[in-house]
Amino acid sequence: MPVKHNTTSLLIIEPHPFMRASLLAAIASDLDLEVMQPGTSEEYSLVFKLAGGQDYYFPRERPGIVILAITNPGRENILALHTIHQKWPEMAVLVLTSNEVPGQEEEAIACGAKVVLPKTVSRSGLLAALQWLKTSL
């Protein structure tokens, strides 16, 4: 009997193209995740504005896991996390922080993040966290 293939969708919200591509390269080959692309047109639902006022749209199909990069000081992105959690509380959000800002991890958890990691996390640490999120869905 064939094993059921359970693919989880992933959306990476990282404003820097190089970092987004690096995250994708780090995880794509090791986990069975279907990477979704963020939308930038009216055919998608406007969810929030990222730091710097950039509009961010979600695809119509909601991802199972979201990687959200929090910039410093990260206020807009913390508000975006809160918006995501309010609209889709079942969505697993992994927050990546670029620097350690006092209280940022606790605030991200309070706003709905399931996992908070620094961007200095090892590849194996990131993969372990994503695998944990995938199995908890």
Protein backbone atom coordinates (compact mmCIF):
# COMPACT_ATOMS: atom_id res chain seq x y z
CA MET A 1 0.00 0.00 0.00
CA PRO A 2 1.50 3.39 -0.97
CA VAL A 3 2.34 5.85 1.78
CA LYS A 4 0.17 8.96 1.81
CA HIS A 5 2.22 11.97 0.78
CA ASN A 6 1.32 14.87 3.03
CA THR A 7 2.60 18.15 1.63
CA THR A 8 2.38 21.30 3.71
CA SER A 9 2.39 24.72 2.09
CA LEU A 10 4.93 27.34 3.17
CA LEU A 11 5.00 31.08 2.62
CA ILE A 12 8.21 33.05 3.27
CA ILE A 13 7.68 36.70 4.16
CA GLU A 14 11.14 38.21 3.93
CA PRO A 15 11.58 41.60 2.24
CA HIS A 16 15.17 41.00 1.11
CA PRO A 17 15.31 38.91 -2.10
CA PHE A 18 18.69 37.37 -1.22
CA MET A 19 17.56 36.27 2.23
CA ARG A 20 14.28 34.92 0.81
CA ALA A 21 16.21 32.89 -1.80
CA SER A 22 18.66 31.69 0.86
CA LEU A 23 15.84 30.49 3.11
CA LEU A 24 14.23 28.70 0.21
CA ALA A 25 17.51 27.02 -0.75
CA ALA A 26 18.14 25.99 2.86
CA ILE A 27 14.84 24.19 3.27
CA ALA A 28 13.51 23.22 -0.16
CA SER A 29 15.38 19.96 -0.61
CA ASP A 30 14.97 18.60 2.92
CA LEU A 31 11.35 19.05 3.84
CA ASP A 32 8.23 18.14 1.90
CA LEU A 33 6.94 21.71 1.70
CA GLU A 34 5.14 23.37 -1.18
CA VAL A 35 6.46 26.91 -1.32
CA MET A 36 3.83 29.50 -2.14
CA GLN A 37 4.65 32.88 -3.63
CA PRO A 38 3.25 36.05 -2.10
CA GLY A 39 0.86 37.98 -4.28
CA THR A 40 1.27 41.59 -5.26
CA SER A 41 -1.95 42.27 -7.14
CA GLU A 42 -5.62 42.79 -6.48
CA GLU A 43 -6.38 39.12 -7.15
CA TYR A 44 -4.99 38.42 -3.69
CA SER A 45 -6.19 39.62 -0.32
CA LEU A 46 -4.35 42.55 1.22
CA VAL A 47 -3.26 41.41 4.64
CA PHE A 48 -0.92 44.06 5.98
CA LYS A 49 1.81 46.55 5.29
CA LEU A 50 5.36 45.52 6.01
CA ALA A 51 7.97 47.84 7.45
CA GLY A 52 8.57 50.64 5.00
CA GLY A 53 4.91 50.69 3.94
CA GLN A 54 5.12 47.80 1.45
CA ASP A 55 1.73 46.18 0.86
CA TYR A 56 1.65 42.43 1.39
CA TYR A 57 -0.91 40.10 -0.13
CA PHE A 58 -1.73 36.49 0.63
CA PRO A 59 -2.58 33.91 -2.01
CA ARG A 60 -6.20 32.74 -1.94
CA GLU A 61 -5.10 29.36 -0.58
CA ARG A 62 -3.76 29.85 2.93
CA PRO A 63 -0.36 28.37 3.72
CA GLY A 64 0.06 25.92 6.58
CA ILE A 65 3.33 27.50 7.72
CA VAL A 66 4.55 31.09 7.40
CA ILE A 67 8.12 32.23 7.96
CA LEU A 68 7.93 35.92 8.92
CA ALA A 69 11.12 37.96 9.12
CA ILE A 70 10.94 40.68 11.75
CA THR A 71 13.11 43.69 11.05
CA ASN A 72 14.34 45.98 13.76
CA PRO A 73 12.73 47.61 15.49
CA GLY A 74 10.05 45.48 13.80
CA ARG A 75 6.92 47.24 15.02
CA GLU A 76 5.09 46.98 11.67
CA ASN A 77 5.96 43.31 11.35
CA ILE A 78 4.81 42.52 14.89
CA LEU A 79 1.50 44.16 13.97
CA ALA A 80 1.44 42.05 10.79
CA LEU A 81 1.97 38.93 12.90
CA HIS A 82 -0.94 39.95 15.11
CA THR A 83 -3.11 40.45 12.00
CA ILE A 84 -2.18 37.03 10.61
CA HIS A 85 -2.95 35.34 13.93
CA GLN A 86 -6.29 37.13 14.29
CA LYS A 87 -7.41 36.18 10.76
CA TRP A 88 -5.98 32.64 10.68
CA PRO A 89 -5.18 31.36 14.20
CA GLU A 90 -4.56 27.83 12.86
CA MET A 91 -1.65 29.04 10.71
CA ALA A 92 1.77 28.13 12.16
CA VAL A 93 4.07 31.16 12.11
CA LEU A 94 7.82 30.92 12.58
CA VAL A 95 9.37 34.33 13.24
CA LEU A 96 12.96 35.10 12.31
CA THR A 97 14.59 38.07 14.02
CA SER A 98 17.67 39.84 12.71
CA ASN A 99 18.88 41.14 16.06
CA GLU A 100 17.99 40.50 19.63
CA VAL A 101 15.67 43.28 20.69
CA PRO A 102 14.66 43.06 24.37
CA GLY A 103 11.13 41.70 24.66
CA GLN A 104 10.71 41.01 20.92
CA GLU A 105 10.57 37.23 21.30
CA GLU A 106 7.95 37.41 24.06
CA GLU A 107 5.91 39.93 22.08
CA ALA A 108 6.04 37.72 18.96
CA ILE A 109 4.85 34.69 20.97
CA ALA A 110 2.07 36.80 22.54
CA CYS A 111 0.99 37.89 19.02
CA GLY A 112 0.72 34.31 17.76
CA ALA A 113 4.15 33.06 16.70
CA LYS A 114 4.66 29.36 17.39
CA VAL A 115 8.47 29.60 17.12
CA VAL A 116 10.88 32.55 17.27
CA LEU A 117 14.45 32.08 16.01
CA PRO A 118 17.32 34.46 15.33
CA LYS A 119 18.46 34.71 11.71
CA THR A 120 21.76 33.31 12.96
CA VAL A 121 20.08 29.94 13.58
CA SER A 122 21.84 26.96 12.04
CA ARG A 123 20.32 25.26 9.03
CA SER A 124 19.67 22.15 11.11
CA GLY A 125 17.95 24.26 13.79
CA LEU A 126 15.68 25.88 11.20
CA LEU A 127 14.84 22.51 9.64
CA ALA A 128 14.06 21.01 13.06
CA ALA A 129 11.73 23.90 13.90
CA LEU A 130 9.93 23.62 10.54
CA GLN A 131 9.58 19.86 10.94
CA TRP A 132 8.13 20.36 14.41
CA LEU A 133 5.64 22.92 13.04
CA LYS A 134 4.70 20.60 10.19
CA THR A 135 3.97 17.69 12.51
CA SER A 136 1.96 19.93 14.85
CA LEU A 137 -0.48 21.02 12.12
